[in-house]
C-alpha atoms as a PDB file:
ATOM      1  CA  MET A   1      75.618 126.783  82.567  1.00  0.00           C
ATOM      2  CA  SER A   2      75.661 127.401  86.097  1.00  0.00           C
ATOM      3  CA  GLY A   3      75.601 124.687  88.776  1.00  0.00           C
ATOM      4  CA  THR A   4      77.923 123.022  91.073  1.00  0.00           C
ATOM      5  CA  ILE A   5      81.057 121.310  90.926  1.00  0.00           C
ATOM      6  CA  LEU A   6      81.340 118.595  93.905  1.00  0.00           C
ATOM      7  CA  GLU A   7      84.843 116.726  94.292  1.00  0.00           C
ATOM      8  CA  LEU A   8      84.809 113.589  96.136  1.00  0.00           C
ATOM      9  CA  PRO A   9      87.804 111.826  97.160  1.00  0.00           C
ATOM     10  CA  GLY A  10      88.122 107.887  95.811  1.00  0.00           C
ATOM     11  CA  ALA A  11      90.070 104.859  96.510  1.00  0.00           C
ATOM     12  CA  ASP A  12      93.505 103.985  95.871  1.00  0.00           C
ATOM     13  CA  ALA A  13      94.064 104.236  92.118  1.00  0.00           C
ATOM     14  CA  LEU A  14      97.122 102.096  92.325  1.00  0.00           C
ATOM     15  CA  SER A  15      97.621  98.218  92.780  1.00  0.00           C
ATOM     16  CA  ASP A  16     100.672  97.238  94.349  1.00  0.00           C
ATOM     17  CA  PHE A  17     102.249  95.777  90.903  1.00  0.00           C
ATOM     18  CA  ARG A  18     101.738  98.954  89.137  1.00  0.00           C
ATOM     19  CA  ARG A  19     102.801 101.041  91.963  1.00  0.00           C
ATOM     20  CA  GLU A  20     106.283  98.903  91.921  1.00  0.00           C
ATOM     21  CA  LYS A  21     106.377  99.355  88.241  1.00  0.00           C
ATOM     22  CA  LEU A  22     105.804 103.068  88.120  1.00  0.00           C
ATOM     23  CA  LEU A  23     108.238 103.352  91.273  1.00  0.00           C
ATOM     24  CA  ALA A  24     111.003 101.694  89.298  1.00  0.00           C
ATOM     25  CA  ARG A  25     110.452 104.167  86.162  1.00  0.00           C
ATOM     26  CA  LEU A  26     110.449 107.163  88.565  1.00  0.00           C
ATOM     27  CA  ALA A  27     113.539 105.918  90.140  1.00  0.00           C
ATOM     28  CA  ALA A  28     114.972 105.777  86.840  1.00  0.00           C
ATOM     29  CA  VAL A  29     114.362 109.505  86.331  1.00  0.00           C
ATOM     30  CA  ASP A  30     115.255 110.594  89.849  1.00  0.00           C
ATOM     31  CA  PRO A  31     117.052 108.051  92.254  1.00  0.00           C
ATOM     32  CA  ALA A  32     115.821 109.998  95.148  1.00  0.00           C
ATOM     33  CA  VAL A  33     112.208 108.793  94.908  1.00  0.00           C
ATOM     34  CA  THR A  34     111.189 106.515  97.414  1.00  0.00           C
ATOM     35  CA  ASP A  35     107.552 106.222  97.343  1.00  0.00           C
ATOM     36  CA  LEU A  36     104.437 106.909  94.948  1.00  0.00           C
ATOM     37  CA  ARG A  37     100.754 107.091  95.920  1.00  0.00           C
ATOM     38  CA  ALA A  38      97.845 107.822  93.795  1.00  0.00           C
ATOM     39  CA  ARG A  39      93.951 108.145  94.730  1.00  0.00           C
ATOM     40  CA  PHE A  40      91.183 108.650  92.641  1.00  0.00           C
ATOM     41  CA  VAL A  41      89.181 111.801  92.528  1.00  0.00           C
ATOM     42  CA  HIS A  42      85.991 112.183  91.229  1.00  0.00           C
ATOM     43  CA  PHE A  43      84.848 115.832  89.910  1.00  0.00           C
ATOM     44  CA  CYS A  44      80.449 115.781  89.628  1.00  0.00           C
ATOM     45  CA  GLN A  45      78.988 118.439  87.537  1.00  0.00           C
ATOM     46  CA  LEU A  46      75.563 119.040  88.950  1.00  0.00           C
ATOM     47  CA  VAL A  47      72.803 121.609  88.228  1.00  0.00           C
ATOM     48  CA  ARG A  48      72.622 122.667  91.707  1.00  0.00           C
ATOM     49  CA  ALA A  49      73.971 121.574  95.242  1.00  0.00           C
ATOM     50  CA  PRO A  50      72.677 118.117  96.431  1.00  0.00           C
ATOM     51  CA  ASP A  51      70.562 117.554  99.266  1.00  0.00           C
ATOM     52  CA  PRO A  52      71.698 115.343 101.889  1.00  0.00           C
ATOM     53  CA  ARG A  53      69.840 112.184 100.314  1.00  0.00           C
ATOM     54  CA  GLU A  54      71.283 112.874  96.989  1.00  0.00           C
ATOM     55  CA  ARG A  55      74.883 113.333  98.444  1.00  0.00           C
ATOM     56  CA  ASP A  56      74.683 110.319 100.467  1.00  0.00           C
ATOM     57  CA  LEU A  57      73.690 108.444  97.378  1.00  0.00           C
ATOM     58  CA  LEU A  58      76.284 110.011  95.218  1.00  0.00           C
ATOM     59  CA  GLU A  59      79.236 108.860  97.581  1.00  0.00           C
ATOM     60  CA  THR A  60      77.828 105.453  98.008  1.00  0.00           C
ATOM     61  CA  LEU A  61      77.646 105.193  94.217  1.00  0.00           C
ATOM     62  CA  LEU A  62      81.447 106.163  94.274  1.00  0.00           C
ATOM     63  CA  ARG A  63      82.818 103.746  96.719  1.00  0.00           C
ATOM     64  CA  TYR A  64      84.325 101.454  95.326  1.00  0.00           C
ATOM     65  CA  GLY A  65      88.207  99.807  95.226  1.00  0.00           C
ATOM     66  CA  SER A  66      90.451  99.385  97.995  1.00  0.00           C
ATOM     67  CA  PRO A  67      88.171 100.791 100.882  1.00  0.00           C
ATOM     68  CA  THR A  68      91.339 100.907 103.251  1.00  0.00           C
ATOM     69  CA  PRO A  69      92.733 104.209 103.545  1.00  0.00           C
ATOM     70  CA  PHE A  70      96.748 104.711 102.935  1.00  0.00           C
ATOM     71  CA  GLU A  71      98.999 107.491 104.586  1.00  0.00           C
ATOM     72  CA  ILE A  72     100.193 109.913 102.027  1.00  0.00           C
ATOM     73  CA  ALA A  73     103.582 110.685 102.291  1.00  0.00           C
ATOM     74  CA  GLY A  74     105.652 113.181 100.226  1.00  0.00           C
ATOM     75  CA  VAL A  75     104.365 116.096  98.183  1.00  0.00           C
ATOM     76  CA  PRO A  76     101.609 116.331  95.768  1.00  0.00           C
ATOM     77  CA  LEU A  77     103.054 115.638  92.270  1.00  0.00           C
ATOM     78  CA  ALA A  78     100.180 116.111  89.574  1.00  0.00           C
ATOM     79  CA  LEU A  79      96.106 115.744  88.949  1.00  0.00           C
ATOM     80  CA  THR A  80      95.754 113.584  85.653  1.00  0.00           C
ATOM     81  CA  VAL A  81      92.691 113.815  84.191  1.00  0.00           C
ATOM     82  CA  PRO A  82      90.790 112.790  80.737  1.00  0.00           C
ATOM     83  CA  ARG A  83      92.117 115.465  78.136  1.00  0.00           C
ATOM     84  CA  PRO A  84      90.080 118.526  77.933  1.00  0.00           C
ATOM     85  CA  GLY A  85      87.361 118.367  75.892  1.00  0.00           C
ATOM     86  CA  THR A  86      86.840 114.604  75.832  1.00  0.00           C
ATOM     87  CA  LEU A  87      84.430 112.490  77.371  1.00  0.00           C
ATOM     88  CA  SER A  88      85.791 109.227  79.009  1.00  0.00           C
ATOM     89  CA  PRO A  89      83.940 106.044  78.783  1.00  0.00           C
ATOM     90  CA  TRP A  90      84.151 105.817  82.414  1.00  0.00           C
ATOM     91  CA  SER A  91      82.530 109.229  82.698  1.00  0.00           C
ATOM     92  CA  SER A  92      79.816 108.282  80.047  1.00  0.00           C
ATOM     93  CA  LYS A  93      78.616 104.966  82.387  1.00  0.00           C
ATOM     94  CA  ALA A  94      78.974 106.582  85.579  1.00  0.00           C
ATOM     95  CA  THR A  95      76.972 109.716  84.596  1.00  0.00           C
ATOM     96  CA  ASP A  96      74.343 106.846  83.216  1.00  0.00           C
ATOM     97  CA  ILE A  97      74.448 105.356  86.570  1.00  0.00           C
ATOM     98  CA  ALA A  98      73.829 107.921  88.555  1.00  0.00           C
ATOM     99  CA  ARG A  99      70.862 109.320  86.339  1.00  0.00           C
ATOM    100  CA  ASN A 100      69.446 105.515  86.714  1.00  0.00           C
ATOM    101  CA  CYS A 101      69.584 105.822  90.350  1.00  0.00           C
ATOM    102  CA  GLY A 102      66.990 108.784  90.471  1.00  0.00           C
ATOM    103  CA  LEU A 103      70.366 111.627  90.449  1.00  0.00           C
ATOM    104  CA  GLY A 104      68.560 113.584  87.786  1.00  0.00           C
ATOM    105  CA  LEU A 105      70.977 116.614  89.380  1.00  0.00           C
ATOM    106  CA  VAL A 106      73.877 114.980  87.888  1.00  0.00           C
ATOM    107  CA  VAL A 107      75.211 116.612  84.534  1.00  0.00           C
ATOM    108  CA  ARG A 108      78.501 114.571  84.483  1.00  0.00           C
ATOM    109  CA  ILE A 109      80.993 112.612  86.685  1.00  0.00           C
ATOM    110  CA  GLU A 110      84.358 112.669  85.543  1.00  0.00           C
ATOM    111  CA  ARG A 111      87.630 110.763  87.461  1.00  0.00           C
ATOM    112  CA  GLY A 112      91.042 111.801  87.487  1.00  0.00           C
ATOM    113  CA  VAL A 113      94.292 110.791  89.654  1.00  0.00           C
ATOM    114  CA  ARG A 114      95.985 112.626  92.296  1.00  0.00           C
ATOM    115  CA  TRP A 115      99.437 111.624  92.859  1.00  0.00           C
ATOM    116  CA  TRP A 116     102.109 112.290  95.353  1.00  0.00           C
ATOM    117  CA  VAL A 117     105.855 111.219  95.441  1.00  0.00           C
ATOM    118  CA  ALA A 118     108.297 111.032  98.516  1.00  0.00           C
ATOM    119  CA  GLY A 119     111.832 111.131  98.288  1.00  0.00           C
ATOM    120  CA  ALA A 120     112.161 113.887  95.444  1.00  0.00           C
ATOM    121  CA  LYS A 121     111.169 117.264  94.272  1.00  0.00           C
ATOM    122  CA  PRO A 122     107.739 117.134  91.982  1.00  0.00           C
ATOM    123  CA  SER A 123     108.712 117.999  88.313  1.00  0.00           C
ATOM    124  CA  ALA A 124     107.814 117.291  84.722  1.00  0.00           C
ATOM    125  CA  ALA A 125     109.721 114.396  84.151  1.00  0.00           C
ATOM    126  CA  LEU A 126     108.323 112.623  87.400  1.00  0.00           C
ATOM    127  CA  THR A 127     104.659 113.181  85.961  1.00  0.00           C
ATOM    128  CA  THR A 128     105.459 112.092  82.399  1.00  0.00           C
ATOM    129  CA  PRO A 129     105.368 108.475  83.165  1.00  0.00           C
ATOM    130  CA  LEU A 130     102.234 108.319  85.223  1.00  0.00           C
ATOM    131  CA  PHE A 131      99.811 108.993  82.332  1.00  0.00           C
ATOM    132  CA  ASP A 132      99.154 108.709  78.519  1.00  0.00           C
ATOM    133  CA  ARG A 133      99.526 111.862  76.880  1.00  0.00           C
ATOM    134  CA  MET A 134      97.080 110.747  73.986  1.00  0.00           C
ATOM    135  CA  VAL A 135      93.879 110.230  76.254  1.00  0.00           C
ATOM    136  CA  GLU A 136      95.094 112.082  79.189  1.00  0.00           C
ATOM    137  CA  ALA A 137      96.552 115.650  80.707  1.00  0.00           C
ATOM    138  CA  ALA A 138      98.305 116.118  83.885  1.00  0.00           C
ATOM    139  CA  LEU A 139      97.663 119.288  86.018  1.00  0.00           C
ATOM    140  CA  ALA A 140      99.029 121.277  89.154  1.00  0.00           C
ATOM    141  CA  PRO A 141      98.063 118.620  92.048  1.00  0.00           C
ATOM    142  CA  ASP A 142      95.733 121.025  93.832  1.00  0.00           C
ATOM    143  CA  ALA A 143      93.874 121.875  90.516  1.00  0.00           C
ATOM    144  CA  ASP A 144      89.964 121.447  90.801  1.00  0.00           C
END
């Protein structure tokens, strides 16, 4: 199927509590870790490029969570997404909502998380605590 994949940034993916918990786990792996940040990213599979009205509506639908942008300090660590070949419950609901709002060009919307770490070099050992291997996969941080 030909079409377009549109990537739209999302909100902060970590609560303060979860961030502190993960920071402690990462520091146990590499004591050089000083900070961790994560942001949702949305991948919209569309039958064609959206017109300005459709893009605006899609961006509005995908605007949720903390509206306060955070400064991304550190180096890209990973992009975590639902396991390839699966359809997450979040994706099913988001896709249904977009279509019900008149966005018939939407084939599927999926959500991932981009991670950044400060103070340490990225490694598989640092990535492992960030996701559930049963339902998610970790990709290179700049993967689309």
